Amino acid sequence: MKTLFIDSSRKSLSIAVVNSDELLFVSNVESYSRHSNFLLKEIINVLNRTGTTIYDIDNILVLNGPGSFTGIRVGVTVSKTLAWVLSKKIYVMSTLEAMMYSSLKNKINISVIPDRNNCFYVGIYGDNCDTYEGYTSDEEIVKRFNNDNISISCFDYNSEVERLCHELEKDNTINVNVLESYDYVRVVKEALKNKSVNPHLVSALYLKKIDAEKNKDVS
């Protein structure tokens, strides 16, 4: 069973084909802010490299954010259009959840994407805590934990993430996973455990308002 994986939420555009327990091929293109110029071409490239046609694909998995507003829209739109036109099953997973499945698991697992002004897109997962995905400050994240074993996952370990880790480790035991790529096979397998989605209902997961919405609220 072949799954086409699409992620356009990050600076790197990721397209992959997974066949059950095997990653057939993956393409990562640094095309930040220009994903629309590369997405369809890279889908064709990956399919060709695996000797697969789009009609051989059984499922489509799209990561619907958070991340680049424009990038997310591009990936979601192309994915739902392909699923609808070709009558393929489509599955949706957040970028934060995919990061978690690509990391070493712990009692509590936190995926973070730094934004600005000490704020993060954050996903919190664990057997003994409620799942949370949102946009919040480092202070609010730190307040949630005390004397816990935490695994933190990120793609970019910058000064903001370093500061967050430093604050968390004052009262907790933490392990930091700096990701180079997704665990495509595991992410796909976890996604396929859920029900497929009506293509028309697939939407972007922004977690914070875009500037146009903020301006509308003010007016």
N, C-alpha and C. Protein backbone atom coordinates (compact mmCIF):
# COMPACT_ATOMS: atom_id res chain seq x y z
N MET A 1 0.85 -1.20 0.00
CA MET A 1 0.00 0.00 0.00
C MET A 1 0.88 1.24 0.00
N LYS A 2 0.75 2.05 -1.01
CA LYS A 2 1.64 3.21 -1.17
C LYS A 2 0.95 4.50 -0.72
N THR A 3 1.72 5.30 0.03
CA THR A 3 1.22 6.57 0.54
C THR A 3 2.12 7.70 0.06
N LEU A 4 1.50 8.74 -0.45
CA LEU A 4 2.22 9.95 -0.84
C LEU A 4 2.19 10.91 0.33
N PHE A 5 3.37 11.27 0.82
CA PHE A 5 3.52 12.17 1.96
C PHE A 5 3.84 13.56 1.45
N ILE A 6 3.12 14.58 1.95
CA ILE A 6 3.33 15.96 1.52
C ILE A 6 3.41 16.87 2.74
N ASP A 7 4.52 17.61 2.83
CA ASP A 7 4.66 18.62 3.90
C ASP A 7 5.24 19.89 3.29
N SER A 8 4.45 20.94 3.32
CA SER A 8 4.90 22.25 2.83
C SER A 8 4.80 23.31 3.91
N SER A 9 4.80 22.87 5.17
CA SER A 9 4.62 23.81 6.28
C SER A 9 5.94 24.42 6.73
N ARG A 10 7.07 23.83 6.33
CA ARG A 10 8.38 24.28 6.78
C ARG A 10 9.15 24.92 5.63
N LYS A 11 10.36 25.40 5.94
CA LYS A 11 11.21 25.98 4.89
C LYS A 11 11.56 24.94 3.84
N SER A 12 11.72 23.70 4.30
CA SER A 12 12.04 22.61 3.39
C SER A 12 10.76 21.91 2.96
N LEU A 13 10.53 21.85 1.67
CA LEU A 13 9.40 21.13 1.11
C LEU A 13 9.73 19.65 1.09
N SER A 14 8.92 18.81 1.73
CA SER A 14 9.19 17.38 1.82
C SER A 14 8.11 16.58 1.11
N ILE A 15 8.54 15.77 0.15
CA ILE A 15 7.64 14.87 -0.57
C ILE A 15 8.24 13.47 -0.49
N ALA A 16 7.44 12.49 -0.14
CA ALA A 16 7.95 11.13 -0.02
C ALA A 16 6.89 10.12 -0.45
N VAL A 17 7.36 8.94 -0.80
CA VAL A 17 6.47 7.81 -1.06
C VAL A 17 6.86 6.69 -0.11
N VAL A 18 5.90 6.20 0.66
CA VAL A 18 6.10 5.12 1.61
C VAL A 18 5.26 3.94 1.18
N ASN A 19 5.88 2.77 1.13
CA ASN A 19 5.16 1.54 0.79
C ASN A 19 5.19 0.63 2.01
N SER A 20 4.10 0.62 2.76
CA SER A 20 4.00 -0.17 3.99
C SER A 20 5.13 0.20 4.95
N ASP A 21 6.13 -0.69 5.14
CA ASP A 21 7.21 -0.44 6.09
C ASP A 21 8.47 0.08 5.42
N GLU A 22 8.37 0.56 4.20
CA GLU A 22 9.56 0.96 3.46
C GLU A 22 9.42 2.37 2.89
N LEU A 23 10.44 3.18 3.13
CA LEU A 23 10.51 4.49 2.51
C LEU A 23 11.13 4.32 1.12
N LEU A 24 10.34 4.54 0.08
CA LEU A 24 10.83 4.33 -1.27
C LEU A 24 11.72 5.48 -1.75
N PHE A 25 11.30 6.70 -1.47
CA PHE A 25 12.10 7.86 -1.87
C PHE A 25 11.55 9.10 -1.18
N VAL A 26 12.45 10.03 -0.88
CA VAL A 26 12.04 11.30 -0.29
C VAL A 26 12.81 12.43 -0.96
N SER A 27 12.15 13.53 -1.15
CA SER A 27 12.77 14.74 -1.71
C SER A 27 12.56 15.88 -0.74
N ASN A 28 13.66 16.54 -0.36
CA ASN A 28 13.60 17.73 0.49
C ASN A 28 14.18 18.90 -0.28
N VAL A 29 13.38 19.90 -0.54
CA VAL A 29 13.80 21.04 -1.33
C VAL A 29 13.68 22.31 -0.49
N GLU A 30 14.78 23.05 -0.37
CA GLU A 30 14.75 24.32 0.33
C GLU A 30 14.11 25.37 -0.58
N SER A 31 12.81 25.50 -0.46
CA SER A 31 12.08 26.39 -1.38
C SER A 31 11.17 27.34 -0.61
N TYR A 32 11.64 27.75 0.57
CA TYR A 32 10.84 28.59 1.46
C TYR A 32 10.25 29.79 0.73
N SER A 33 8.96 30.00 0.89
CA SER A 33 8.14 31.06 0.27
C SER A 33 7.90 30.84 -1.22
N ARG A 34 8.45 29.74 -1.76
CA ARG A 34 8.23 29.44 -3.17
C ARG A 34 7.79 27.99 -3.37
N HIS A 35 7.12 27.44 -2.36
CA HIS A 35 6.67 26.05 -2.46
C HIS A 35 5.77 25.81 -3.66
N SER A 36 4.96 26.81 -4.00
CA SER A 36 4.04 26.64 -5.13
C SER A 36 4.78 26.43 -6.44
N ASN A 37 6.02 26.89 -6.52
CA ASN A 37 6.81 26.72 -7.74
C ASN A 37 7.40 25.32 -7.86
N PHE A 38 7.46 24.60 -6.74
CA PHE A 38 8.17 23.33 -6.74
C PHE A 38 7.30 22.11 -6.42
N LEU A 39 6.16 22.32 -5.76
CA LEU A 39 5.42 21.19 -5.21
C LEU A 39 5.02 20.16 -6.26
N LEU A 40 4.31 20.57 -7.29
CA LEU A 40 3.85 19.60 -8.30
C LEU A 40 5.03 18.95 -9.02
N LYS A 41 6.06 19.74 -9.29
CA LYS A 41 7.24 19.20 -9.97
C LYS A 41 7.92 18.14 -9.10
N GLU A 42 7.99 18.37 -7.79
CA GLU A 42 8.64 17.40 -6.90
C GLU A 42 7.78 16.16 -6.70
N ILE A 43 6.47 16.32 -6.72
CA ILE A 43 5.60 15.14 -6.65
C ILE A 43 5.86 14.24 -7.85
N ILE A 44 5.92 14.84 -9.02
CA ILE A 44 6.20 14.06 -10.24
C ILE A 44 7.59 13.43 -10.16
N ASN A 45 8.56 14.19 -9.67
CA ASN A 45 9.92 13.68 -9.54
C ASN A 45 9.99 12.47 -8.62
N VAL A 46 9.35 12.56 -7.46
CA VAL A 46 9.37 11.45 -6.50
C VAL A 46 8.66 10.23 -7.06
N LEU A 47 7.53 10.45 -7.71
CA LEU A 47 6.81 9.32 -8.32
C LEU A 47 7.66 8.64 -9.38
N ASN A 48 8.32 9.45 -10.21
CA ASN A 48 9.17 8.88 -11.26
C ASN A 48 10.34 8.10 -10.66
N ARG A 49 10.93 8.62 -9.58
CA ARG A 49 12.08 7.97 -8.97
C ARG A 49 11.70 6.62 -8.34
N THR A 50 10.44 6.45 -8.02
CA THR A 50 9.98 5.19 -7.41
C THR A 50 9.27 4.29 -8.42
N GLY A 51 9.23 4.71 -9.68
CA GLY A 51 8.54 3.92 -10.69
C GLY A 51 7.06 3.81 -10.44
N THR A 52 6.51 4.88 -9.89
CA THR A 52 5.10 4.91 -9.49
C THR A 52 4.36 5.99 -10.25
N THR A 53 3.13 5.73 -10.60
CA THR A 53 2.28 6.77 -11.16
C THR A 53 1.34 7.24 -10.06
N ILE A 54 0.74 8.38 -10.27
CA ILE A 54 -0.18 8.91 -9.28
C ILE A 54 -1.37 7.98 -9.08
N TYR A 55 -1.69 7.17 -10.11
CA TYR A 55 -2.81 6.24 -10.01
C TYR A 55 -2.46 5.03 -9.15
N ASP A 56 -1.15 4.78 -8.93
CA ASP A 56 -0.72 3.67 -8.08
C ASP A 56 -0.77 4.03 -6.60
N ILE A 57 -0.90 5.32 -6.30
CA ILE A 57 -0.94 5.77 -4.92
C ILE A 57 -2.28 5.40 -4.29
N ASP A 58 -2.22 4.81 -3.10
CA ASP A 58 -3.45 4.43 -2.39
C ASP A 58 -3.93 5.54 -1.45
N ASN A 59 -2.98 6.22 -0.80
CA ASN A 59 -3.32 7.22 0.19
C ASN A 59 -2.47 8.46 0.01
N ILE A 60 -3.00 9.56 0.49
CA ILE A 60 -2.26 10.82 0.55
C ILE A 60 -2.26 11.28 2.00
N LEU A 61 -1.08 11.58 2.52
CA LEU A 61 -0.97 12.14 3.87
C LEU A 61 -0.39 13.54 3.76
N VAL A 62 -1.12 14.53 4.25
CA VAL A 62 -0.64 15.91 4.23
C VAL A 62 -0.49 16.41 5.66
N LEU A 63 0.65 17.05 5.94
CA LEU A 63 0.82 17.75 7.21
C LEU A 63 0.23 19.14 7.04
N ASN A 64 -0.75 19.48 7.86
CA ASN A 64 -1.52 20.70 7.63
C ASN A 64 -1.11 21.87 8.52
N GLY A 65 0.10 21.80 9.10
CA GLY A 65 0.59 22.91 9.89
C GLY A 65 0.70 22.55 11.36
N PRO A 66 1.13 23.53 12.14
CA PRO A 66 1.35 24.95 11.83
C PRO A 66 2.67 25.17 11.10
N GLY A 67 2.87 26.42 10.70
CA GLY A 67 4.09 26.79 9.99
C GLY A 67 3.82 27.97 9.08
N SER A 68 4.46 27.95 7.93
CA SER A 68 4.28 29.02 6.95
C SER A 68 2.83 29.06 6.47
N PHE A 69 2.18 30.22 6.63
CA PHE A 69 0.78 30.33 6.21
C PHE A 69 0.60 29.99 4.74
N THR A 70 1.42 30.59 3.89
CA THR A 70 1.31 30.35 2.45
C THR A 70 1.68 28.91 2.12
N GLY A 71 2.75 28.42 2.73
CA GLY A 71 3.18 27.05 2.47
C GLY A 71 2.12 26.04 2.83
N ILE A 72 1.48 26.21 3.98
CA ILE A 72 0.43 25.29 4.40
C ILE A 72 -0.70 25.26 3.39
N ARG A 73 -1.13 26.43 2.95
CA ARG A 73 -2.24 26.50 1.99
C ARG A 73 -1.91 25.77 0.71
N VAL A 74 -0.68 25.91 0.24
CA VAL A 74 -0.26 25.25 -1.00
C VAL A 74 -0.36 23.73 -0.86
N GLY A 75 0.23 23.20 0.22
CA GLY A 75 0.21 21.76 0.41
C GLY A 75 -1.18 21.19 0.61
N VAL A 76 -1.98 21.87 1.41
CA VAL A 76 -3.34 21.41 1.68
C VAL A 76 -4.18 21.45 0.40
N THR A 77 -4.08 22.52 -0.36
CA THR A 77 -4.88 22.65 -1.58
C THR A 77 -4.54 21.59 -2.60
N VAL A 78 -3.25 21.38 -2.84
CA VAL A 78 -2.83 20.36 -3.81
C VAL A 78 -3.25 18.97 -3.34
N SER A 79 -3.06 18.67 -2.06
CA SER A 79 -3.38 17.34 -1.53
C SER A 79 -4.86 17.03 -1.64
N LYS A 80 -5.71 17.96 -1.22
CA LYS A 80 -7.15 17.70 -1.25
C LYS A 80 -7.67 17.64 -2.69
N THR A 81 -7.05 18.41 -3.58
CA THR A 81 -7.46 18.37 -5.00
C THR A 81 -7.12 17.02 -5.61
N LEU A 82 -5.90 16.53 -5.35
CA LEU A 82 -5.50 15.21 -5.87
C LEU A 82 -6.41 14.12 -5.31
N ALA A 83 -6.69 14.18 -4.01
CA ALA A 83 -7.53 13.16 -3.39
C ALA A 83 -8.94 13.16 -3.98
N TRP A 84 -9.47 14.34 -4.21
CA TRP A 84 -10.84 14.44 -4.73
C TRP A 84 -10.91 14.02 -6.20
N VAL A 85 -10.01 14.52 -7.01
CA VAL A 85 -10.04 14.22 -8.45
C VAL A 85 -9.76 12.74 -8.72
N LEU A 86 -8.83 12.15 -7.96
CA LEU A 86 -8.40 10.78 -8.21
C LEU A 86 -9.08 9.76 -7.30
N SER A 87 -9.98 10.24 -6.44
CA SER A 87 -10.71 9.36 -5.51
C SER A 87 -9.75 8.57 -4.62
N LYS A 88 -8.76 9.26 -4.07
CA LYS A 88 -7.79 8.66 -3.17
C LYS A 88 -8.16 9.00 -1.72
N LYS A 89 -7.79 8.12 -0.81
CA LYS A 89 -8.00 8.41 0.61
C LYS A 89 -6.98 9.45 1.05
N ILE A 90 -7.44 10.41 1.85
CA ILE A 90 -6.53 11.45 2.35
C ILE A 90 -6.55 11.45 3.88
N TYR A 91 -5.37 11.57 4.45
CA TYR A 91 -5.20 11.61 5.90
C TYR A 91 -4.48 12.91 6.25
N VAL A 92 -4.76 13.40 7.45
CA VAL A 92 -4.20 14.68 7.88
C VAL A 92 -3.52 14.50 9.24
N MET A 93 -2.35 15.12 9.38
CA MET A 93 -1.65 15.13 10.66
C MET A 93 -0.99 16.48 10.83
N SER A 94 -0.92 16.97 12.06
CA SER A 94 -0.24 18.24 12.30
C SER A 94 1.26 18.04 12.20
N THR A 95 1.96 19.10 11.84
CA THR A 95 3.42 19.07 11.80
C THR A 95 3.98 18.74 13.17
N LEU A 96 3.37 19.26 14.22
CA LEU A 96 3.82 19.02 15.59
C LEU A 96 3.71 17.54 15.96
N GLU A 97 2.62 16.91 15.58
CA GLU A 97 2.44 15.49 15.89
C GLU A 97 3.43 14.64 15.10
N ALA A 98 3.67 15.00 13.85
CA ALA A 98 4.65 14.27 13.03
C ALA A 98 6.04 14.39 13.63
N MET A 99 6.37 15.54 14.19
CA MET A 99 7.65 15.72 14.88
C MET A 99 7.75 14.80 16.08
N MET A 100 6.66 14.67 16.81
CA MET A 100 6.65 13.81 17.99
C MET A 100 6.89 12.35 17.60
N TYR A 101 6.24 11.89 16.53
CA TYR A 101 6.41 10.50 16.10
C TYR A 101 7.80 10.26 15.50
N SER A 102 8.52 11.32 15.19
CA SER A 102 9.86 11.20 14.63
C SER A 102 10.94 11.24 15.70
N SER A 103 10.55 11.24 16.96
CA SER A 103 11.48 11.42 18.08
C SER A 103 11.42 10.24 19.04
N LEU A 104 12.38 10.21 19.96
CA LEU A 104 12.34 9.25 21.05
C LEU A 104 11.23 9.63 22.01
N LYS A 105 10.37 8.68 22.34
CA LYS A 105 9.23 8.99 23.19
C LYS A 105 9.63 8.98 24.66
N ASN A 106 8.92 9.78 25.44
CA ASN A 106 9.15 9.88 26.87
C ASN A 106 7.79 9.94 27.55
N LYS A 107 7.82 10.16 28.86
CA LYS A 107 6.57 10.29 29.60
C LYS A 107 5.72 11.42 29.02
N ILE A 108 6.37 12.55 28.79
CA ILE A 108 5.71 13.69 28.17
C ILE A 108 6.55 14.12 26.97
N ASN A 109 5.89 14.36 25.85
CA ASN A 109 6.58 14.71 24.61
C ASN A 109 6.11 16.07 24.12
N ILE A 110 7.06 16.97 23.93
CA ILE A 110 6.74 18.32 23.50
C ILE A 110 7.42 18.61 22.17
N SER A 111 6.64 18.99 21.17
CA SER A 111 7.18 19.45 19.91
C SER A 111 7.09 20.97 19.88
N VAL A 112 8.19 21.64 19.51
CA VAL A 112 8.17 23.10 19.50
C VAL A 112 8.68 23.64 18.17
N ILE A 113 8.01 24.69 17.70
CA ILE A 113 8.45 25.44 16.54
C ILE A 113 8.52 26.90 16.99
N PRO A 114 9.72 27.45 17.14
CA PRO A 114 9.83 28.84 17.60
C PRO A 114 9.28 29.80 16.57
N ASP A 115 8.60 30.84 17.05
CA ASP A 115 8.07 31.85 16.14
C ASP A 115 8.80 33.17 16.37
N ARG A 116 8.30 33.99 17.26
CA ARG A 116 8.96 35.25 17.59
C ARG A 116 8.43 35.75 18.93
N ASN A 117 9.13 36.71 19.50
CA ASN A 117 8.71 37.32 20.78
C ASN A 117 8.50 36.27 21.87
N ASN A 118 9.43 35.28 21.93
CA ASN A 118 9.38 34.24 22.96
C ASN A 118 8.13 33.38 22.87
N CYS A 119 7.56 33.27 21.68
CA CYS A 119 6.37 32.44 21.49
C CYS A 119 6.70 31.22 20.62
N PHE A 120 5.89 30.19 20.80
CA PHE A 120 6.12 28.93 20.11
C PHE A 120 4.79 28.35 19.62
N TYR A 121 4.86 27.67 18.48
CA TYR A 121 3.85 26.67 18.17
C TYR A 121 4.26 25.45 18.97
N VAL A 122 3.37 24.89 19.76
CA VAL A 122 3.76 23.80 20.64
C VAL A 122 2.71 22.69 20.62
N GLY A 123 3.20 21.47 20.61
CA GLY A 123 2.33 20.30 20.76
C GLY A 123 2.79 19.51 21.97
N ILE A 124 1.87 19.18 22.86
CA ILE A 124 2.18 18.44 24.08
C ILE A 124 1.42 17.12 24.04
N TYR A 125 2.15 16.01 24.17
CA TYR A 125 1.56 14.69 24.05
C TYR A 125 2.10 13.79 25.15
N GLY A 126 1.29 12.86 25.61
CA GLY A 126 1.74 11.92 26.63
C GLY A 126 0.60 11.05 27.10
N ASP A 127 0.95 9.91 27.67
CA ASP A 127 -0.07 8.98 28.15
C ASP A 127 -0.82 9.51 29.35
N ASN A 128 -0.14 10.37 30.13
CA ASN A 128 -0.74 10.86 31.37
C ASN A 128 -1.06 12.36 31.34
N CYS A 129 -1.15 12.92 30.15
CA CYS A 129 -1.50 14.34 30.05
C CYS A 129 -2.40 14.56 28.85
N ASP A 130 -3.19 15.61 28.90
CA ASP A 130 -4.08 15.92 27.79
C ASP A 130 -3.27 16.45 26.61
N THR A 131 -3.65 16.00 25.42
CA THR A 131 -2.99 16.51 24.22
C THR A 131 -3.31 17.98 24.03
N TYR A 132 -2.29 18.75 23.72
CA TYR A 132 -2.47 20.19 23.51
C TYR A 132 -1.67 20.62 22.29
N GLU A 133 -2.29 21.37 21.40
CA GLU A 133 -1.59 21.99 20.28
C GLU A 133 -2.04 23.45 20.23
N GLY A 134 -1.08 24.36 20.31
CA GLY A 134 -1.46 25.76 20.33
C GLY A 134 -0.28 26.67 20.08
N TYR A 135 -0.54 27.94 20.25
CA TYR A 135 0.47 28.99 20.06
C TYR A 135 0.55 29.76 21.36
N THR A 136 1.71 29.71 22.04
CA THR A 136 1.80 30.29 23.37
C THR A 136 3.22 30.71 23.69
N SER A 137 3.39 31.35 24.82
CA SER A 137 4.70 31.86 25.23
C SER A 137 5.50 30.78 25.94
N ASP A 138 6.82 31.02 26.04
CA ASP A 138 7.66 30.07 26.76
C ASP A 138 7.27 30.02 28.23
N GLU A 139 6.86 31.14 28.81
CA GLU A 139 6.45 31.17 30.21
C GLU A 139 5.26 30.26 30.46
N GLU A 140 4.29 30.28 29.57
CA GLU A 140 3.10 29.44 29.74
C GLU A 140 3.44 27.97 29.59
N ILE A 141 4.39 27.66 28.72
CA ILE A 141 4.82 26.26 28.58
C ILE A 141 5.46 25.78 29.87
N VAL A 142 6.36 26.58 30.41
CA VAL A 142 7.09 26.19 31.62
C VAL A 142 6.14 25.98 32.79
N LYS A 143 5.10 26.80 32.89
CA LYS A 143 4.15 26.70 34.00
C LYS A 143 3.43 25.36 34.06
N ARG A 144 3.36 24.66 32.95
CA ARG A 144 2.59 23.42 32.87
C ARG A 144 3.29 22.24 33.55
N PHE A 145 4.60 22.35 33.78
CA PHE A 145 5.34 21.16 34.19
C PHE A 145 6.13 21.37 35.48
N ASN A 146 6.17 20.30 36.26
CA ASN A 146 6.96 20.31 37.49
C ASN A 146 7.29 18.87 37.86
N ASN A 147 8.58 18.57 37.93
CA ASN A 147 9.05 17.23 38.27
C ASN A 147 8.58 16.18 37.27
N ASP A 148 8.70 16.49 35.99
CA ASP A 148 8.30 15.58 34.92
C ASP A 148 9.49 15.17 34.07
N ASN A 149 9.34 14.02 33.38
CA ASN A 149 10.32 13.57 32.39
C ASN A 149 9.81 13.99 31.02
N ILE A 150 10.56 14.86 30.36
CA ILE A 150 10.07 15.50 29.15
C ILE A 150 11.04 15.27 27.99
N SER A 151 10.47 14.94 26.84
CA SER A 151 11.23 14.87 25.60
C SER A 151 10.82 16.04 24.73
N ILE A 152 11.79 16.87 24.32
CA ILE A 152 11.51 18.04 23.50
C ILE A 152 12.05 17.81 22.09
N SER A 153 11.19 18.03 21.10
CA SER A 153 11.57 17.82 19.71
C SER A 153 11.49 19.13 18.94
N CYS A 154 12.49 19.37 18.10
CA CYS A 154 12.50 20.58 17.28
C CYS A 154 13.35 20.32 16.04
N PHE A 155 13.14 21.11 15.03
CA PHE A 155 14.00 21.08 13.85
C PHE A 155 15.12 22.10 13.96
N ASP A 156 14.80 23.24 14.55
CA ASP A 156 15.78 24.32 14.66
C ASP A 156 16.07 24.60 16.13
N TYR A 157 17.25 24.20 16.59
CA TYR A 157 17.64 24.45 17.97
C TYR A 157 18.33 25.82 18.03
N ASN A 158 17.51 26.87 18.13
CA ASN A 158 18.05 28.22 18.16
C ASN A 158 18.04 28.76 19.59
N SER A 159 18.32 30.03 19.74
CA SER A 159 18.41 30.61 21.08
C SER A 159 17.09 30.55 21.84
N GLU A 160 15.96 30.68 21.11
CA GLU A 160 14.66 30.61 21.78
C GLU A 160 14.40 29.23 22.36
N VAL A 161 14.70 28.19 21.57
CA VAL A 161 14.51 26.82 22.06
C VAL A 161 15.48 26.52 23.19
N GLU A 162 16.70 26.99 23.06
CA GLU A 162 17.70 26.78 24.11
C GLU A 162 17.23 27.41 25.43
N ARG A 163 16.67 28.60 25.36
CA ARG A 163 16.18 29.26 26.57
C ARG A 163 15.01 28.49 27.17
N LEU A 164 14.09 28.02 26.34
CA LEU A 164 12.96 27.24 26.83
C LEU A 164 13.45 25.97 27.53
N CYS A 165 14.40 25.28 26.92
CA CYS A 165 14.94 24.05 27.53
C CYS A 165 15.60 24.36 28.87
N HIS A 166 16.32 25.46 28.92
CA HIS A 166 17.00 25.85 30.16
C HIS A 166 15.98 26.11 31.27
N GLU A 167 14.87 26.75 30.96
CA GLU A 167 13.85 27.03 31.96
C GLU A 167 13.15 25.75 32.41
N LEU A 168 12.89 24.86 31.46
CA LEU A 168 12.19 23.63 31.80
C LEU A 168 13.05 22.71 32.67
N GLU A 169 14.36 22.67 32.42
CA GLU A 169 15.20 21.73 33.15
C GLU A 169 15.50 22.17 34.58
N LYS A 170 15.03 23.36 34.96
CA LYS A 170 15.18 23.78 36.36
C LYS A 170 14.35 22.90 37.29
N ASP A 171 13.20 22.44 36.80
CA ASP A 171 12.30 21.65 37.64
C ASP A 171 11.94 20.30 37.03
N ASN A 172 12.54 19.97 35.88
CA ASN A 172 12.18 18.74 35.19
C ASN A 172 13.43 18.07 34.62
N THR A 173 13.27 16.81 34.24
CA THR A 173 14.31 16.09 33.52
C THR A 173 13.95 16.12 32.04
N ILE A 174 14.84 16.65 31.19
CA ILE A 174 14.50 16.81 29.79
C ILE A 174 15.52 16.12 28.89
N ASN A 175 15.02 15.70 27.73
CA ASN A 175 15.85 15.14 26.68
C ASN A 175 15.49 15.88 25.39
N VAL A 176 16.49 16.40 24.70
CA VAL A 176 16.25 17.21 23.50
C VAL A 176 16.55 16.40 22.24
N ASN A 177 15.59 16.35 21.33
CA ASN A 177 15.76 15.68 20.04
C ASN A 177 15.76 16.74 18.94
N VAL A 178 16.92 16.99 18.35
CA VAL A 178 17.01 17.91 17.22
C VAL A 178 16.87 17.08 15.95
N LEU A 179 15.76 17.27 15.24
CA LEU A 179 15.42 16.44 14.09
C LEU A 179 16.12 16.92 12.82
N GLU A 180 16.55 15.98 12.02
CA GLU A 180 17.05 16.29 10.69
C GLU A 180 15.99 16.02 9.64
N SER A 181 15.10 15.09 9.94
CA SER A 181 14.01 14.76 9.02
C SER A 181 12.92 14.04 9.79
N TYR A 182 11.81 13.81 9.15
CA TYR A 182 10.74 13.02 9.76
C TYR A 182 11.10 11.54 9.69
N ASP A 183 10.51 10.77 10.59
CA ASP A 183 10.51 9.32 10.45
C ASP A 183 9.30 8.99 9.57
N TYR A 184 9.51 9.04 8.26
CA TYR A 184 8.39 8.99 7.32
C TYR A 184 7.56 7.72 7.48
N VAL A 185 8.21 6.59 7.66
CA VAL A 185 7.47 5.33 7.78
C VAL A 185 6.59 5.34 9.01
N ARG A 186 7.15 5.75 10.15
CA ARG A 186 6.37 5.76 11.37
C ARG A 186 5.24 6.78 11.31
N VAL A 187 5.52 7.95 10.78
CA VAL A 187 4.48 8.98 10.68
C VAL A 187 3.32 8.48 9.83
N VAL A 188 3.64 7.87 8.70
CA VAL A 188 2.58 7.35 7.82
C VAL A 188 1.79 6.25 8.52
N LYS A 189 2.48 5.33 9.19
CA LYS A 189 1.79 4.23 9.86
C LYS A 189 0.85 4.75 10.94
N GLU A 190 1.30 5.76 11.70
CA GLU A 190 0.44 6.32 12.74
C GLU A 190 -0.76 7.03 12.14
N ALA A 191 -0.54 7.75 11.04
CA ALA A 191 -1.64 8.48 10.39
C ALA A 191 -2.71 7.53 9.87
N LEU A 192 -2.26 6.40 9.31
CA LEU A 192 -3.20 5.46 8.71
C LEU A 192 -4.02 4.69 9.74
N LYS A 193 -3.65 4.81 11.01
CA LYS A 193 -4.45 4.20 12.07
C LYS A 193 -5.77 4.95 12.26
N ASN A 194 -5.81 6.19 11.80
CA ASN A 194 -7.01 7.01 11.92
C ASN A 194 -7.89 6.85 10.68
N LYS A 195 -9.05 7.43 10.73
CA LYS A 195 -9.94 7.38 9.58
C LYS A 195 -9.52 8.40 8.54
N SER A 196 -9.73 8.06 7.28
CA SER A 196 -9.47 9.03 6.22
C SER A 196 -10.47 10.17 6.32
N VAL A 197 -10.15 11.29 5.68
CA VAL A 197 -10.94 12.50 5.81
C VAL A 197 -11.60 12.84 4.47
N ASN A 198 -12.78 13.40 4.52
CA ASN A 198 -13.40 13.93 3.31
C ASN A 198 -12.50 15.04 2.77
N PRO A 199 -12.05 14.94 1.52
CA PRO A 199 -11.13 15.97 0.99
C PRO A 199 -11.64 17.39 1.16
N HIS A 200 -12.94 17.58 1.06
CA HIS A 200 -13.52 18.92 1.17
C HIS A 200 -13.40 19.48 2.59
N LEU A 201 -13.15 18.61 3.57
CA LEU A 201 -13.07 19.05 4.96
C LEU A 201 -11.64 19.24 5.44
N VAL A 202 -10.67 18.96 4.57
CA VAL A 202 -9.27 19.16 4.94
C VAL A 202 -8.98 20.65 4.99
N SER A 203 -8.40 21.11 6.08
CA SER A 203 -8.13 22.54 6.24
C SER A 203 -6.77 22.76 6.88
N ALA A 204 -6.28 23.97 6.78
CA ALA A 204 -4.99 24.33 7.36
C ALA A 204 -5.11 24.50 8.86
N LEU A 205 -4.03 24.15 9.56
CA LEU A 205 -3.97 24.32 11.02
C LEU A 205 -2.97 25.43 11.31
N TYR A 206 -3.48 26.64 11.49
CA TYR A 206 -2.60 27.79 11.68
C TYR A 206 -2.19 27.98 13.15
N LEU A 207 -3.12 27.74 14.07
CA LEU A 207 -2.94 27.90 15.52
C LEU A 207 -2.81 29.34 15.98
N LYS A 208 -2.62 30.27 15.07
CA LYS A 208 -2.67 31.69 15.44
C LYS A 208 -3.27 32.44 14.28
N LYS A 209 -3.82 33.61 14.56
CA LYS A 209 -4.46 34.40 13.54
C LYS A 209 -3.42 35.02 12.61
N ILE A 210 -3.75 35.04 11.32
CA ILE A 210 -2.90 35.74 10.37
C ILE A 210 -3.14 37.24 10.51
N ASP A 211 -2.24 38.04 9.98
CA ASP A 211 -2.31 39.49 10.16
C ASP A 211 -3.62 40.08 9.66
N ALA A 212 -4.14 39.55 8.56
CA ALA A 212 -5.39 40.08 8.02
C ALA A 212 -6.55 39.89 9.00
N GLU A 213 -6.57 38.74 9.69
CA GLU A 213 -7.62 38.49 10.68
C GLU A 213 -7.47 39.40 11.88
N LYS A 214 -6.22 39.64 12.32
CA LYS A 214 -5.98 40.54 13.44
C LYS A 214 -6.48 41.94 13.12
N ASN A 215 -6.17 42.43 11.92
CA ASN A 215 -6.60 43.75 11.51
C ASN A 215 -8.11 43.87 11.43
N LYS A 216 -8.75 42.77 11.02
CA LYS A 216 -10.21 42.75 10.94
C LYS A 216 -10.82 42.87 12.33
N ASP A 217 -10.24 42.15 13.31
CA ASP A 217 -10.76 42.21 14.66
C ASP A 217 -10.63 43.62 15.25
N VAL A 218 -9.52 44.27 14.95
CA VAL A 218 -9.28 45.62 15.45
C VAL A 218 -10.26 46.61 14.86
N SER A 219 -10.54 46.46 13.57
CA SER A 219 -11.46 47.40 12.91
C SER A 219 -12.89 47.13 13.35
